[in-house]
Amino acid sequence: MLENVEIVRRNCVVIGSGAAGLNAADRLYAFGQRDVIIVTEGLAKGTSRNTGSDKQTYYKLSLSGAEADSIVEMAQTLFAGGAMDGDRAD
């Protein structure tokens, strides 16, 4: 079934309205990009709102294993692997 779909052209497209998507759109705007569109199912439906996003990682650390959790050790491991900035890893 074919439908009539409006075609829209923009300089930037942000997919999703979770914390990352809205932050990306906000940063683009802050850097002067005014031609941005956000593709979303709704503003209250982003992944972060539904699952806890990065906060979920912290809260689920102690669900397995016999050793105590260390947020600092986890951050240092992520930094050592290049997954985060050093100023945020301690």
PDB file of N, CA and C in Angstrom:
ATOM      1  N   MET A   1       0.834  -1.167   0.000  1.00  0.00           N
ATOM      2  CA  MET A   1       0.000   0.000   0.000  1.00  0.00           C
ATOM      3  C   MET A   1       0.889   1.244   0.000  1.00  0.00           C
ATOM      4  N   LEU A   2       0.729   2.092  -0.944  1.00  0.00           N
ATOM      5  CA  LEU A   2       1.493   3.328  -1.036  1.00  0.00           C
ATOM      6  C   LEU A   2       0.731   4.453  -0.350  1.00  0.00           C
ATOM      7  N   GLU A   3       1.475   5.277   0.339  1.00  0.00           N
ATOM      8  CA  GLU A   3       0.890   6.432   1.012  1.00  0.00           C
ATOM      9  C   GLU A   3       1.611   7.687   0.560  1.00  0.00           C
ATOM     10  N   ASN A   4       0.937   8.795   0.618  1.00  0.00           N
ATOM     11  CA  ASN A   4       1.591  10.069   0.349  1.00  0.00           C
ATOM     12  C   ASN A   4       2.376  10.472   1.584  1.00  0.00           C
ATOM     13  N   VAL A   5       3.661  10.697   1.389  1.00  0.00           N
ATOM     14  CA  VAL A   5       4.538  11.056   2.490  1.00  0.00           C
ATOM     15  C   VAL A   5       5.205  12.388   2.156  1.00  0.00           C
ATOM     16  N   GLU A   6       5.151  13.297   3.094  1.00  0.00           N
ATOM     17  CA  GLU A   6       5.806  14.581   2.901  1.00  0.00           C
ATOM     18  C   GLU A   6       7.319  14.401   3.002  1.00  0.00           C
ATOM     19  N   ILE A   7       8.050  14.924   2.069  1.00  0.00           N
ATOM     20  CA  ILE A   7       9.508  14.855   2.089  1.00  0.00           C
ATOM     21  C   ILE A   7      10.033  16.162   2.668  1.00  0.00           C
ATOM     22  N   VAL A   8      10.881  16.025   3.685  1.00  0.00           N
ATOM     23  CA  VAL A   8      11.447  17.182   4.375  1.00  0.00           C
ATOM     24  C   VAL A   8      12.968  17.069   4.297  1.00  0.00           C
ATOM     25  N   ARG A   9      13.624  18.150   3.989  1.00  0.00           N
ATOM     26  CA  ARG A   9      15.092  18.174   3.929  1.00  0.00           C
ATOM     27  C   ARG A   9      15.616  19.063   5.062  1.00  0.00           C
ATOM     28  N   ARG A  10      16.602  18.540   5.784  1.00  0.00           N
ATOM     29  CA  ARG A  10      17.222  19.282   6.871  1.00  0.00           C
ATOM     30  C   ARG A  10      18.729  19.028   6.832  1.00  0.00           C
ATOM     31  N   ASN A  11      19.493  19.913   7.450  1.00  0.00           N
ATOM     32  CA  ASN A  11      20.941  19.716   7.543  1.00  0.00           C
ATOM     33  C   ASN A  11      21.301  18.586   8.499  1.00  0.00           C
ATOM     34  N   CYS A  12      20.573  18.471   9.606  1.00  0.00           N
ATOM     35  CA  CYS A  12      20.876  17.478  10.635  1.00  0.00           C
ATOM     36  C   CYS A  12      19.614  16.730  11.026  1.00  0.00           C
ATOM     37  N   VAL A  13      19.760  15.429  11.220  1.00  0.00           N
ATOM     38  CA  VAL A  13      18.663  14.602  11.706  1.00  0.00           C
ATOM     39  C   VAL A  13      19.143  13.888  12.962  1.00  0.00           C
ATOM     40  N   VAL A  14      18.404  14.040  14.048  1.00  0.00           N
ATOM     41  CA  VAL A  14      18.689  13.337  15.297  1.00  0.00           C
ATOM     42  C   VAL A  14      17.639  12.252  15.436  1.00  0.00           C
ATOM     43  N   ILE A  15      18.091  11.008  15.615  1.00  0.00           N
ATOM     44  CA  ILE A  15      17.176   9.885  15.755  1.00  0.00           C
ATOM     45  C   ILE A  15      16.987   9.599  17.238  1.00  0.00           C
ATOM     46  N   GLY A  16      15.772   9.754  17.736  1.00  0.00           N
ATOM     47  CA  GLY A  16      15.446   9.431  19.119  1.00  0.00           C
ATOM     48  C   GLY A  16      15.386  10.642  20.021  1.00  0.00           C
ATOM     49  N   SER A  17      14.540  10.531  21.050  1.00  0.00           N
ATOM     50  CA  SER A  17      14.347  11.639  21.984  1.00  0.00           C
ATOM     51  C   SER A  17      14.708  11.256  23.406  1.00  0.00           C
ATOM     52  N   GLY A  18      15.607  10.291  23.550  1.00  0.00           N
ATOM     53  CA  GLY A  18      16.121   9.971  24.878  1.00  0.00           C
ATOM     54  C   GLY A  18      17.136  11.025  25.285  1.00  0.00           C
ATOM     55  N   ALA A  19      17.830  10.781  26.368  1.00  0.00           N
ATOM     56  CA  ALA A  19      18.803  11.755  26.869  1.00  0.00           C
ATOM     57  C   ALA A  19      19.868  12.066  25.824  1.00  0.00           C
ATOM     58  N   ALA A  20      20.368  11.062  25.129  1.00  0.00           N
ATOM     59  CA  ALA A  20      21.419  11.286  24.130  1.00  0.00           C
ATOM     60  C   ALA A  20      20.896  12.082  22.945  1.00  0.00           C
ATOM     61  N   GLY A  21      19.720  11.731  22.449  1.00  0.00           N
ATOM     62  CA  GLY A  21      19.165  12.431  21.300  1.00  0.00           C
ATOM     63  C   GLY A  21      18.866  13.891  21.596  1.00  0.00           C
ATOM     64  N   LEU A  22      18.232  14.144  22.734  1.00  0.00           N
ATOM     65  CA  LEU A  22      17.914  15.534  23.088  1.00  0.00           C
ATOM     66  C   LEU A  22      19.182  16.337  23.377  1.00  0.00           C
ATOM     67  N   ASN A  23      20.176  15.682  23.978  1.00  0.00           N
ATOM     68  CA  ASN A  23      21.448  16.355  24.226  1.00  0.00           C
ATOM     69  C   ASN A  23      22.128  16.695  22.899  1.00  0.00           C
ATOM     70  N   ALA A  24      22.095  15.767  21.949  1.00  0.00           N
ATOM     71  CA  ALA A  24      22.694  16.022  20.637  1.00  0.00           C
ATOM     72  C   ALA A  24      22.009  17.202  19.952  1.00  0.00           C
ATOM     73  N   ALA A  25      20.692  17.231  19.974  1.00  0.00           N
ATOM     74  CA  ALA A  25      19.950  18.338  19.355  1.00  0.00           C
ATOM     75  C   ALA A  25      20.268  19.661  20.055  1.00  0.00           C
ATOM     76  N   ASP A  26      20.356  19.634  21.368  1.00  0.00           N
ATOM     77  CA  ASP A  26      20.666  20.841  22.133  1.00  0.00           C
ATOM     78  C   ASP A  26      22.066  21.345  21.813  1.00  0.00           C
ATOM     79  N   ARG A  27      23.028  20.433  21.722  1.00  0.00           N
ATOM     80  CA  ARG A  27      24.407  20.821  21.406  1.00  0.00           C
ATOM     81  C   ARG A  27      24.503  21.387  19.996  1.00  0.00           C
ATOM     82  N   LEU A  28      23.809  20.760  19.051  1.00  0.00           N
ATOM     83  CA  LEU A  28      23.801  21.280  17.683  1.00  0.00           C
ATOM     84  C   LEU A  28      23.269  22.711  17.666  1.00  0.00           C
ATOM     85  N   TYR A  29      22.186  22.934  18.391  1.00  0.00           N
ATOM     86  CA  TYR A  29      21.593  24.271  18.471  1.00  0.00           C
ATOM     87  C   TYR A  29      22.573  25.259  19.114  1.00  0.00           C
ATOM     88  N   ALA A  30      23.231  24.811  20.182  1.00  0.00           N
ATOM     89  CA  ALA A  30      24.189  25.674  20.875  1.00  0.00           C
ATOM     90  C   ALA A  30      25.351  26.069  19.968  1.00  0.00           C
ATOM     91  N   PHE A  31      25.696  25.186  19.036  1.00  0.00           N
ATOM     92  CA  PHE A  31      26.783  25.476  18.097  1.00  0.00           C
ATOM     93  C   PHE A  31      26.296  26.196  16.846  1.00  0.00           C
ATOM     94  N   GLY A  32      25.035  26.636  16.846  1.00  0.00           N
ATOM     95  CA  GLY A  32      24.530  27.460  15.769  1.00  0.00           C
ATOM     96  C   GLY A  32      23.760  26.736  14.681  1.00  0.00           C
ATOM     97  N   GLN A  33      23.583  25.441  14.797  1.00  0.00           N
ATOM     98  CA  GLN A  33      22.836  24.694  13.775  1.00  0.00           C
ATOM     99  C   GLN A  33      21.345  24.829  14.054  1.00  0.00           C
ATOM    100  N   ARG A  34      20.644  25.541  13.202  1.00  0.00           N
ATOM    101  CA  ARG A  34      19.220  25.783  13.412  1.00  0.00           C
ATOM    102  C   ARG A  34      18.343  24.890  12.544  1.00  0.00           C
ATOM    103  N   ASP A  35      18.951  24.138  11.630  1.00  0.00           N
ATOM    104  CA  ASP A  35      18.194  23.308  10.695  1.00  0.00           C
ATOM    105  C   ASP A  35      18.267  21.842  11.135  1.00  0.00           C
ATOM    106  N   VAL A  36      17.593  21.534  12.251  1.00  0.00           N
ATOM    107  CA  VAL A  36      17.661  20.212  12.873  1.00  0.00           C
ATOM    108  C   VAL A  36      16.258  19.638  12.993  1.00  0.00           C
ATOM    109  N   ILE A  37      16.133  18.354  12.766  1.00  0.00           N
ATOM    110  CA  ILE A  37      14.854  17.670  12.978  1.00  0.00           C
ATOM    111  C   ILE A  37      15.107  16.469  13.886  1.00  0.00           C
ATOM    112  N   ILE A  38      14.195  16.213  14.810  1.00  0.00           N
ATOM    113  CA  ILE A  38      14.287  15.049  15.700  1.00  0.00           C
ATOM    114  C   ILE A  38      13.226  14.054  15.271  1.00  0.00           C
ATOM    115  N   VAL A  39      13.659  12.828  14.976  1.00  0.00           N
ATOM    116  CA  VAL A  39      12.732  11.759  14.607  1.00  0.00           C
ATOM    117  C   VAL A  39      12.456  10.950  15.877  1.00  0.00           C
ATOM    118  N   THR A  40      11.192  10.927  16.301  1.00  0.00           N
ATOM    119  CA  THR A  40      10.850  10.277  17.563  1.00  0.00           C
ATOM    120  C   THR A  40       9.403   9.792  17.554  1.00  0.00           C
ATOM    121  N   GLU A  41       9.113   8.868  18.436  1.00  0.00           N
ATOM    122  CA  GLU A  41       7.723   8.435  18.630  1.00  0.00           C
ATOM    123  C   GLU A  41       7.014   9.356  19.616  1.00  0.00           C
ATOM    124  N   GLY A  42       7.772  10.168  20.351  1.00  0.00           N
ATOM    125  CA  GLY A  42       7.206  11.084  21.330  1.00  0.00           C
ATOM    126  C   GLY A  42       8.253  11.498  22.335  1.00  0.00           C
ATOM    127  N   LEU A  43       8.118  12.695  22.887  1.00  0.00           N
ATOM    128  CA  LEU A  43       9.132  13.204  23.810  1.00  0.00           C
ATOM    129  C   LEU A  43       9.218  12.425  25.116  1.00  0.00           C
ATOM    130  N   ALA A  44       8.172  11.791  25.541  1.00  0.00           N
ATOM    131  CA  ALA A  44       8.221  11.035  26.799  1.00  0.00           C
ATOM    132  C   ALA A  44       8.474   9.551  26.557  1.00  0.00           C
ATOM    133  N   LYS A  45       9.048   9.204  25.420  1.00  0.00           N
ATOM    134  CA  LYS A  45       9.212   7.784  25.091  1.00  0.00           C
ATOM    135  C   LYS A  45      10.650   7.401  24.783  1.00  0.00           C
ATOM    136  N   GLY A  46      11.612   8.232  25.118  1.00  0.00           N
ATOM    137  CA  GLY A  46      13.008   7.906  24.844  1.00  0.00           C
ATOM    138  C   GLY A  46      13.481   6.726  25.670  1.00  0.00           C
ATOM    139  N   THR A  47      14.526   6.063  25.199  1.00  0.00           N
ATOM    140  CA  THR A  47      15.064   4.893  25.890  1.00  0.00           C
ATOM    141  C   THR A  47      15.443   5.206  27.328  1.00  0.00           C
ATOM    142  N   SER A  48      16.062   6.348  27.554  1.00  0.00           N
ATOM    143  CA  SER A  48      16.488   6.703  28.906  1.00  0.00           C
ATOM    144  C   SER A  48      15.310   6.790  29.862  1.00  0.00           C
ATOM    145  N   ARG A  49      14.209   7.297  29.386  1.00  0.00           N
ATOM    146  CA  ARG A  49      13.023   7.417  30.244  1.00  0.00           C
ATOM    147  C   ARG A  49      12.442   6.042  30.569  1.00  0.00           C
ATOM    148  N   ASN A  50      12.622   5.081  29.667  1.00  0.00           N
ATOM    149  CA  ASN A  50      12.016   3.764  29.857  1.00  0.00           C
ATOM    150  C   ASN A  50      12.894   2.790  30.627  1.00  0.00           C
ATOM    151  N   THR A  51      14.212   2.915  30.523  1.00  0.00           N
ATOM    152  CA  THR A  51      15.070   1.896  31.109  1.00  0.00           C
ATOM    153  C   THR A  51      16.069   2.404  32.123  1.00  0.00           C
ATOM    154  N   GLY A  52      16.266   3.676  32.219  1.00  0.00           N
ATOM    155  CA  GLY A  52      17.250   4.193  33.158  1.00  0.00           C
ATOM    156  C   GLY A  52      18.582   4.510  32.519  1.00  0.00           C
ATOM    157  N   SER A  53      18.799   4.128  31.282  1.00  0.00           N
ATOM    158  CA  SER A  53      19.998   4.460  30.517  1.00  0.00           C
ATOM    159  C   SER A  53      21.265   4.145  31.303  1.00  0.00           C
ATOM    160  N   ASP A  54      22.186   5.125  31.404  1.00  0.00           N
ATOM    161  CA  ASP A  54      23.460   4.881  32.067  1.00  0.00           C
ATOM    162  C   ASP A  54      23.288   4.636  33.562  1.00  0.00           C
ATOM    163  N   LYS A  55      22.240   5.187  34.166  1.00  0.00           N
ATOM    164  CA  LYS A  55      22.000   4.951  35.583  1.00  0.00           C
ATOM    165  C   LYS A  55      21.720   3.471  35.838  1.00  0.00           C
ATOM    166  N   GLN A  56      21.123   2.809  34.867  1.00  0.00           N
ATOM    167  CA  GLN A  56      20.811   1.398  35.012  1.00  0.00           C
ATOM    168  C   GLN A  56      22.087   0.576  35.168  1.00  0.00           C
ATOM    169  N   THR A  57      23.146   0.955  34.457  1.00  0.00           N
ATOM    170  CA  THR A  57      24.419   0.252  34.562  1.00  0.00           C
ATOM    171  C   THR A  57      24.914   0.281  36.002  1.00  0.00           C
ATOM    172  N   TYR A  58      24.864   1.445  36.624  1.00  0.00           N
ATOM    173  CA  TYR A  58      25.320   1.588  38.004  1.00  0.00           C
ATOM    174  C   TYR A  58      24.487   0.733  38.951  1.00  0.00           C
ATOM    175  N   TYR A  59      23.180   0.794  38.844  1.00  0.00           N
ATOM    176  CA  TYR A  59      22.328   0.077  39.773  1.00  0.00           C
ATOM    177  C   TYR A  59      22.374  -1.426  39.592  1.00  0.00           C
ATOM    178  N   LYS A  60      22.750  -1.902  38.422  1.00  0.00           N
ATOM    179  CA  LYS A  60      22.782  -3.341  38.183  1.00  0.00           C
ATOM    180  C   LYS A  60      24.143  -3.970  38.416  1.00  0.00           C
ATOM    181  N   LEU A  61      25.127  -3.190  38.841  1.00  0.00           N
ATOM    182  CA  LEU A  61      26.453  -3.741  39.033  1.00  0.00           C
ATOM    183  C   LEU A  61      26.479  -4.889  40.031  1.00  0.00           C
ATOM    184  N   SER A  62      25.721  -4.799  41.097  1.00  0.00           N
ATOM    185  CA  SER A  62      25.829  -5.782  42.163  1.00  0.00           C
ATOM    186  C   SER A  62      24.857  -6.955  42.041  1.00  0.00           C
ATOM    187  N   LEU A  63      24.324  -7.204  40.859  1.00  0.00           N
ATOM    188  CA  LEU A  63      23.403  -8.321  40.706  1.00  0.00           C
ATOM    189  C   LEU A  63      24.104  -9.673  40.529  1.00  0.00           C
ATOM    190  N   SER A  64      25.410  -9.656  40.273  1.00  0.00           N
ATOM    191  CA  SER A  64      26.105 -10.929  40.104  1.00  0.00           C
ATOM    192  C   SER A  64      27.538 -10.803  40.598  1.00  0.00           C
ATOM    193  N   GLY A  65      28.150 -11.940  40.843  1.00  0.00           N
ATOM    194  CA  GLY A  65      29.546 -11.975  41.277  1.00  0.00           C
ATOM    195  C   GLY A  65      29.694 -11.907  42.774  1.00  0.00           C
ATOM    196  N   ALA A  66      30.805 -12.449  43.259  1.00  0.00           N
ATOM    197  CA  ALA A  66      31.051 -12.505  44.702  1.00  0.00           C
ATOM    198  C   ALA A  66      31.825 -11.298  45.212  1.00  0.00           C
ATOM    199  N   GLU A  67      32.503 -10.581  44.314  1.00  0.00           N
ATOM    200  CA  GLU A  67      33.308  -9.441  44.730  1.00  0.00           C
ATOM    201  C   GLU A  67      32.458  -8.172  44.818  1.00  0.00           C
ATOM    202  N   ALA A  68      32.859  -7.289  45.724  1.00  0.00           N
ATOM    203  CA  ALA A  68      32.151  -6.015  45.873  1.00  0.00           C
ATOM    204  C   ALA A  68      32.365  -5.152  44.629  1.00  0.00           C
ATOM    205  N   ASP A  69      31.383  -4.341  44.315  1.00  0.00           N
ATOM    206  CA  ASP A  69      31.473  -3.461  43.153  1.00  0.00           C
ATOM    207  C   ASP A  69      32.306  -2.224  43.474  1.00  0.00           C
ATOM    208  N   SER A  70      32.972  -1.718  42.453  1.00  0.00           N
ATOM    209  CA  SER A  70      33.728  -0.485  42.585  1.00  0.00           C
ATOM    210  C   SER A  70      33.446   0.373  41.363  1.00  0.00           C
ATOM    211  N   ILE A  71      32.733   1.467  41.574  1.00  0.00           N
ATOM    212  CA  ILE A  71      32.425   2.382  40.485  1.00  0.00           C
ATOM    213  C   ILE A  71      33.711   3.008  39.960  1.00  0.00           C
ATOM    214  N   VAL A  72      34.653   3.320  40.855  1.00  0.00           N
ATOM    215  CA  VAL A  72      35.924   3.914  40.441  1.00  0.00           C
ATOM    216  C   VAL A  72      36.689   2.934  39.555  1.00  0.00           C
ATOM    217  N   GLU A  73      36.740   1.667  39.955  1.00  0.00           N
ATOM    218  CA  GLU A  73      37.438   0.657  39.155  1.00  0.00           C
ATOM    219  C   GLU A  73      36.773   0.491  37.785  1.00  0.00           C
ATOM    220  N   MET A  74      35.449   0.517  37.758  1.00  0.00           N
ATOM    221  CA  MET A  74      34.746   0.406  36.488  1.00  0.00           C
ATOM    222  C   MET A  74      35.092   1.591  35.586  1.00  0.00           C
ATOM    223  N   ALA A  75      35.101   2.809  36.143  1.00  0.00           N
ATOM    224  CA  ALA A  75      35.426   4.001  35.368  1.00  0.00           C
ATOM    225  C   ALA A  75      36.863   3.943  34.857  1.00  0.00           C
ATOM    226  N   GLN A  76      37.791   3.475  35.700  1.00  0.00           N
ATOM    227  CA  GLN A  76      39.190   3.357  35.282  1.00  0.00           C
ATOM    228  C   GLN A  76      39.340   2.333  34.159  1.00  0.00           C
ATOM    229  N   THR A  77      38.597   1.245  34.220  1.00  0.00           N
ATOM    230  CA  THR A  77      38.627   0.229  33.163  1.00  0.00           C
ATOM    231  C   THR A  77      38.082   0.804  31.858  1.00  0.00           C
ATOM    232  N   LEU A  78      36.979   1.536  31.938  1.00  0.00           N
ATOM    233  CA  LEU A  78      36.416   2.158  30.737  1.00  0.00           C
ATOM    234  C   LEU A  78      37.391   3.169  30.141  1.00  0.00           C
ATOM    235  N   PHE A  79      38.068   3.954  30.999  1.00  0.00           N
ATOM    236  CA  PHE A  79      39.045   4.925  30.521  1.00  0.00           C
ATOM    237  C   PHE A  79      40.223   4.221  29.870  1.00  0.00           C
ATOM    238  N   ALA A  80      40.724   3.159  30.491  1.00  0.00           N
ATOM    239  CA  ALA A  80      41.866   2.426  29.948  1.00  0.00           C
ATOM    240  C   ALA A  80      41.553   1.847  28.568  1.00  0.00           C
ATOM    241  N   GLY A  81      40.312   1.483  28.347  1.00  0.00           N
ATOM    242  CA  GLY A  81      39.902   0.939  27.051  1.00  0.00           C
ATOM    243  C   GLY A  81      39.504   2.006  26.049  1.00  0.00           C
ATOM    244  N   GLY A  82      39.567   3.287  26.445  1.00  0.00           N
ATOM    245  CA  GLY A  82      39.237   4.379  25.540  1.00  0.00           C
ATOM    246  C   GLY A  82      37.756   4.676  25.431  1.00  0.00           C
ATOM    247  N   ALA A  83      36.955   4.161  26.365  1.00  0.00           N
ATOM    248  CA  ALA A  83      35.506   4.320  26.273  1.00  0.00           C
ATOM    249  C   ALA A  83      34.975   5.572  26.966  1.00  0.00           C
ATOM    250  N   MET A  84      35.835   6.351  27.625  1.00  0.00           N
ATOM    251  CA  MET A  84      35.369   7.569  28.276  1.00  0.00           C
ATOM    252  C   MET A  84      36.533   8.528  28.494  1.00  0.00           C
ATOM    253  N   ASP A  85      36.210   9.786  28.744  1.00  0.00           N
ATOM    254  CA  ASP A  85      37.227  10.801  28.993  1.00  0.00           C
ATOM    255  C   ASP A  85      37.843  10.613  30.367  1.00  0.00           C
ATOM    256  N   GLY A  86      39.138  10.892  30.490  1.00  0.00           N
ATOM    257  CA  GLY A  86      39.836  10.719  31.747  1.00  0.00           C
ATOM    258  C   GLY A  86      39.340  11.610  32.857  1.00  0.00           C
ATOM    259  N   ASP A  87      38.899  12.827  32.528  1.00  0.00           N
ATOM    260  CA  ASP A  87      38.423  13.721  33.575  1.00  0.00           C
ATOM    261  C   ASP A  87      37.107  13.261  34.174  1.00  0.00           C
ATOM    262  N   ARG A  88      36.489  12.273  33.570  1.00  0.00           N
ATOM    263  CA  ARG A  88      35.234  11.743  34.100  1.00  0.00           C
ATOM    264  C   ARG A  88      35.407  10.321  34.646  1.00  0.00           C
ATOM    265  N   ALA A  89      36.632   9.841  34.672  1.00  0.00           N
ATOM    266  CA  ALA A  89      36.875   8.447  35.051  1.00  0.00           C
ATOM    267  C   ALA A  89      37.341   8.268  36.482  1.00  0.00           C
ATOM    268  N   ASP A  90      37.277   9.328  37.275  1.00  0.00           N
ATOM    269  CA  ASP A  90      37.697   9.135  38.665  1.00  0.00           C
ATOM    270  C   ASP A  90      36.735   9.731  39.637  1.00  0.00           C
TER     271      ASP A  90
END
